[in-house]
Amino acid sequence: MSDLCHYFGLTIRQVRELKRWSQETLAESADLNRSYVGEIERGKVIPSLVTIDKLSLALGMSLPELLAHCEQLRRARTALVFDLASIAC
């Protein structure tokens, strides 16, 4: 699966955990199946725009806020990998 799915899943997990919600609580709030939320968090599936919108609403974020958080996480992790690679050389 793509890096974008991986980082989107990490974003969903981080925001969910900040709210101290279980996957089940998020799934119920977003009208999704709990196991599907788990697959999203693990980056195993590509959620539709409708699903992403359901998740953002359930988490109390706008769609742009959620995607911006995902992009920030992806950039931070990519920068960390490059920093670690330069140290190893």
N, C-alpha and C. Protein backbone atom coordinates (compact mmCIF):
# COMPACT_ATOMS: atom_id res chain seq x y z
N MET A 1 0.85 -1.18 0.00
CA MET A 1 0.00 0.00 0.00
C MET A 1 0.89 1.24 0.00
N SER A 2 0.37 2.33 -0.45
CA SER A 2 1.19 3.54 -0.60
C SER A 2 1.55 4.16 0.75
N ASP A 3 2.58 4.99 0.71
CA ASP A 3 2.98 5.73 1.91
C ASP A 3 1.85 6.62 2.39
N LEU A 4 1.09 7.18 1.45
CA LEU A 4 0.00 8.07 1.83
C LEU A 4 -1.01 7.32 2.70
N CYS A 5 -1.36 6.10 2.34
CA CYS A 5 -2.29 5.30 3.16
C CYS A 5 -1.70 5.02 4.53
N HIS A 6 -0.41 4.75 4.56
CA HIS A 6 0.27 4.50 5.83
C HIS A 6 0.18 5.73 6.74
N TYR A 7 0.52 6.89 6.21
CA TYR A 7 0.51 8.10 7.02
C TYR A 7 -0.90 8.58 7.35
N PHE A 8 -1.84 8.34 6.45
CA PHE A 8 -3.22 8.68 6.77
C PHE A 8 -3.70 7.83 7.94
N GLY A 9 -3.38 6.54 7.90
CA GLY A 9 -3.75 5.65 8.99
C GLY A 9 -3.12 6.07 10.32
N LEU A 10 -1.84 6.44 10.28
CA LEU A 10 -1.17 6.92 11.50
C LEU A 10 -1.84 8.17 12.03
N THR A 11 -2.24 9.04 11.12
CA THR A 11 -2.93 10.27 11.52
C THR A 11 -4.24 9.96 12.22
N ILE A 12 -5.02 9.06 11.64
CA ILE A 12 -6.30 8.68 12.26
C ILE A 12 -6.05 8.10 13.65
N ARG A 13 -5.07 7.23 13.76
CA ARG A 13 -4.76 6.62 15.06
C ARG A 13 -4.32 7.68 16.07
N GLN A 14 -3.44 8.60 15.67
CA GLN A 14 -2.96 9.63 16.59
C GLN A 14 -4.10 10.50 17.10
N VAL A 15 -4.94 10.96 16.18
CA VAL A 15 -6.04 11.84 16.59
C VAL A 15 -7.02 11.08 17.47
N ARG A 16 -7.30 9.83 17.11
CA ARG A 16 -8.20 9.00 17.93
C ARG A 16 -7.64 8.82 19.33
N GLU A 17 -6.36 8.52 19.42
CA GLU A 17 -5.75 8.30 20.73
C GLU A 17 -5.67 9.59 21.55
N LEU A 18 -5.48 10.73 20.90
CA LEU A 18 -5.51 12.01 21.61
C LEU A 18 -6.87 12.24 22.26
N LYS A 19 -7.92 11.77 21.60
CA LYS A 19 -9.26 11.88 22.15
C LYS A 19 -9.55 10.78 23.18
N ARG A 20 -8.60 9.85 23.32
CA ARG A 20 -8.75 8.69 24.22
C ARG A 20 -9.95 7.83 23.83
N TRP A 21 -10.13 7.69 22.53
CA TRP A 21 -11.21 6.87 22.00
C TRP A 21 -10.66 5.51 21.59
N SER A 22 -11.49 4.51 21.71
CA SER A 22 -11.17 3.19 21.16
C SER A 22 -11.51 3.21 19.67
N GLN A 23 -11.04 2.21 18.96
CA GLN A 23 -11.44 2.08 17.55
C GLN A 23 -12.95 1.93 17.45
N GLU A 24 -13.52 1.23 18.39
CA GLU A 24 -14.97 1.02 18.37
C GLU A 24 -15.73 2.33 18.53
N THR A 25 -15.26 3.20 19.42
CA THR A 25 -15.90 4.49 19.61
C THR A 25 -15.83 5.33 18.34
N LEU A 26 -14.66 5.35 17.71
CA LEU A 26 -14.52 6.10 16.45
C LEU A 26 -15.42 5.49 15.38
N ALA A 27 -15.41 4.18 15.27
CA ALA A 27 -16.23 3.52 14.26
C ALA A 27 -17.71 3.85 14.44
N GLU A 28 -18.19 3.81 15.67
CA GLU A 28 -19.59 4.15 15.93
C GLU A 28 -19.89 5.60 15.58
N SER A 29 -18.99 6.50 15.93
CA SER A 29 -19.18 7.92 15.66
C SER A 29 -19.16 8.22 14.17
N ALA A 30 -18.38 7.44 13.42
CA ALA A 30 -18.25 7.66 11.98
C ALA A 30 -19.18 6.75 11.16
N ASP A 31 -19.97 5.93 11.84
CA ASP A 31 -20.86 4.98 11.17
C ASP A 31 -20.07 4.04 10.25
N LEU A 32 -18.98 3.48 10.82
CA LEU A 32 -18.12 2.54 10.11
C LEU A 32 -17.96 1.28 10.93
N ASN A 33 -17.47 0.23 10.31
CA ASN A 33 -17.18 -1.02 10.99
C ASN A 33 -15.85 -0.88 11.73
N ARG A 34 -15.77 -1.39 12.96
CA ARG A 34 -14.56 -1.29 13.76
C ARG A 34 -13.36 -1.92 13.07
N SER A 35 -13.54 -3.07 12.46
CA SER A 35 -12.41 -3.72 11.80
C SER A 35 -11.93 -2.92 10.60
N TYR A 36 -12.84 -2.21 9.94
CA TYR A 36 -12.45 -1.36 8.82
C TYR A 36 -11.62 -0.18 9.32
N VAL A 37 -11.98 0.40 10.45
CA VAL A 37 -11.20 1.49 11.04
C VAL A 37 -9.79 0.97 11.35
N GLY A 38 -9.69 -0.24 11.86
CA GLY A 38 -8.38 -0.84 12.13
C GLY A 38 -7.55 -1.00 10.87
N GLU A 39 -8.19 -1.42 9.79
CA GLU A 39 -7.48 -1.57 8.51
C GLU A 39 -7.00 -0.22 8.00
N ILE A 40 -7.83 0.81 8.17
CA ILE A 40 -7.43 2.17 7.78
C ILE A 40 -6.21 2.60 8.59
N GLU A 41 -6.27 2.40 9.89
CA GLU A 41 -5.16 2.80 10.76
C GLU A 41 -3.87 2.06 10.44
N ARG A 42 -3.96 0.85 9.97
CA ARG A 42 -2.78 0.08 9.60
C ARG A 42 -2.33 0.35 8.17
N GLY A 43 -3.08 1.18 7.43
CA GLY A 43 -2.72 1.50 6.05
C GLY A 43 -2.95 0.37 5.08
N LYS A 44 -3.86 -0.54 5.43
CA LYS A 44 -4.12 -1.73 4.61
C LYS A 44 -5.18 -1.51 3.55
N VAL A 45 -5.96 -0.45 3.67
CA VAL A 45 -7.03 -0.15 2.71
C VAL A 45 -6.93 1.31 2.28
N ILE A 46 -7.56 1.61 1.16
CA ILE A 46 -7.63 2.98 0.67
C ILE A 46 -9.06 3.47 0.90
N PRO A 47 -9.27 4.32 1.91
CA PRO A 47 -10.63 4.77 2.19
C PRO A 47 -11.14 5.73 1.12
N SER A 48 -12.43 5.68 0.87
CA SER A 48 -13.04 6.59 -0.10
C SER A 48 -13.12 8.00 0.48
N LEU A 49 -13.42 8.96 -0.36
CA LEU A 49 -13.60 10.34 0.11
C LEU A 49 -14.75 10.42 1.10
N VAL A 50 -15.79 9.65 0.87
CA VAL A 50 -16.93 9.65 1.79
C VAL A 50 -16.49 9.15 3.16
N THR A 51 -15.68 8.09 3.19
CA THR A 51 -15.18 7.54 4.45
C THR A 51 -14.26 8.54 5.15
N ILE A 52 -13.38 9.19 4.40
CA ILE A 52 -12.48 10.17 4.98
C ILE A 52 -13.30 11.32 5.58
N ASP A 53 -14.36 11.72 4.89
CA ASP A 53 -15.23 12.78 5.41
C ASP A 53 -15.92 12.33 6.70
N LYS A 54 -16.40 11.09 6.74
CA LYS A 54 -17.03 10.56 7.95
C LYS A 54 -16.05 10.58 9.12
N LEU A 55 -14.81 10.17 8.86
CA LEU A 55 -13.80 10.16 9.92
C LEU A 55 -13.49 11.56 10.41
N SER A 56 -13.33 12.50 9.48
CA SER A 56 -13.01 13.87 9.90
C SER A 56 -14.14 14.47 10.73
N LEU A 57 -15.38 14.24 10.33
CA LEU A 57 -16.51 14.75 11.10
C LEU A 57 -16.57 14.11 12.48
N ALA A 58 -16.37 12.80 12.54
CA ALA A 58 -16.40 12.09 13.82
C ALA A 58 -15.31 12.59 14.75
N LEU A 59 -14.15 12.93 14.19
CA LEU A 59 -13.03 13.40 14.99
C LEU A 59 -13.10 14.89 15.29
N GLY A 60 -14.11 15.56 14.76
CA GLY A 60 -14.29 16.99 15.03
C GLY A 60 -13.31 17.86 14.27
N MET A 61 -12.89 17.40 13.11
CA MET A 61 -11.93 18.15 12.29
C MET A 61 -12.55 18.38 10.92
N SER A 62 -12.10 19.46 10.28
CA SER A 62 -12.50 19.64 8.90
C SER A 62 -11.66 18.71 8.03
N LEU A 63 -12.13 18.44 6.84
CA LEU A 63 -11.38 17.59 5.92
C LEU A 63 -9.99 18.17 5.64
N PRO A 64 -9.87 19.48 5.35
CA PRO A 64 -8.53 20.04 5.15
C PRO A 64 -7.62 19.92 6.38
N GLU A 65 -8.17 20.07 7.57
CA GLU A 65 -7.37 19.94 8.79
C GLU A 65 -6.81 18.53 8.92
N LEU A 66 -7.66 17.54 8.67
CA LEU A 66 -7.24 16.15 8.78
C LEU A 66 -6.15 15.83 7.77
N LEU A 67 -6.34 16.26 6.54
CA LEU A 67 -5.34 15.99 5.50
C LEU A 67 -4.05 16.77 5.75
N ALA A 68 -4.16 17.98 6.28
CA ALA A 68 -2.96 18.76 6.61
C ALA A 68 -2.16 18.06 7.72
N HIS A 69 -2.86 17.51 8.70
CA HIS A 69 -2.20 16.77 9.78
C HIS A 69 -1.46 15.57 9.21
N CYS A 70 -2.10 14.89 8.26
CA CYS A 70 -1.49 13.73 7.60
C CYS A 70 -0.22 14.15 6.87
N GLU A 71 -0.28 15.25 6.14
CA GLU A 71 0.88 15.72 5.38
C GLU A 71 2.00 16.16 6.32
N GLN A 72 1.68 16.79 7.43
CA GLN A 72 2.70 17.19 8.40
C GLN A 72 3.40 15.97 8.98
N LEU A 73 2.63 14.94 9.28
CA LEU A 73 3.21 13.70 9.81
C LEU A 73 4.13 13.06 8.78
N ARG A 74 3.68 13.02 7.54
CA ARG A 74 4.47 12.40 6.48
C ARG A 74 5.79 13.16 6.29
N ARG A 75 5.73 14.48 6.27
CA ARG A 75 6.95 15.28 6.10
C ARG A 75 7.89 15.13 7.29
N ALA A 76 7.33 15.09 8.50
CA ALA A 76 8.16 14.94 9.70
C ALA A 76 8.87 13.59 9.70
N ARG A 77 8.16 12.55 9.34
CA ARG A 77 8.76 11.21 9.33
C ARG A 77 9.81 11.09 8.23
N THR A 78 9.54 11.70 7.07
CA THR A 78 10.50 11.67 5.97
C THR A 78 11.77 12.42 6.35
N ALA A 79 11.61 13.58 6.99
CA ALA A 79 12.78 14.35 7.43
C ALA A 79 13.58 13.57 8.45
N LEU A 80 12.92 12.86 9.35
CA LEU A 80 13.61 12.06 10.35
C LEU A 80 14.43 10.96 9.70
N VAL A 81 13.88 10.31 8.68
CA VAL A 81 14.60 9.25 7.97
C VAL A 81 15.86 9.82 7.33
N PHE A 82 15.75 10.99 6.70
CA PHE A 82 16.91 11.60 6.08
C PHE A 82 17.95 12.01 7.11
N ASP A 83 17.51 12.53 8.25
CA ASP A 83 18.44 12.90 9.32
C ASP A 83 19.18 11.69 9.85
N LEU A 84 18.46 10.59 10.05
CA LEU A 84 19.10 9.37 10.55
C LEU A 84 20.06 8.80 9.53
N ALA A 85 19.74 8.91 8.26
CA ALA A 85 20.62 8.41 7.21
C ALA A 85 21.92 9.20 7.17
N SER A 86 21.84 10.51 7.38
CA SER A 86 23.07 11.31 7.36
C SER A 86 23.97 11.03 8.56
N ILE A 87 23.36 10.68 9.69
CA ILE A 87 24.13 10.33 10.88
C ILE A 87 24.86 9.00 10.67
N ALA A 88 24.20 8.07 9.99
CA ALA A 88 24.77 6.74 9.78
C ALA A 88 25.94 6.74 8.83
N CYS A 89 26.04 7.75 7.98
CA CYS A 89 27.12 7.78 6.98
C CYS A 89 28.41 8.21 7.54
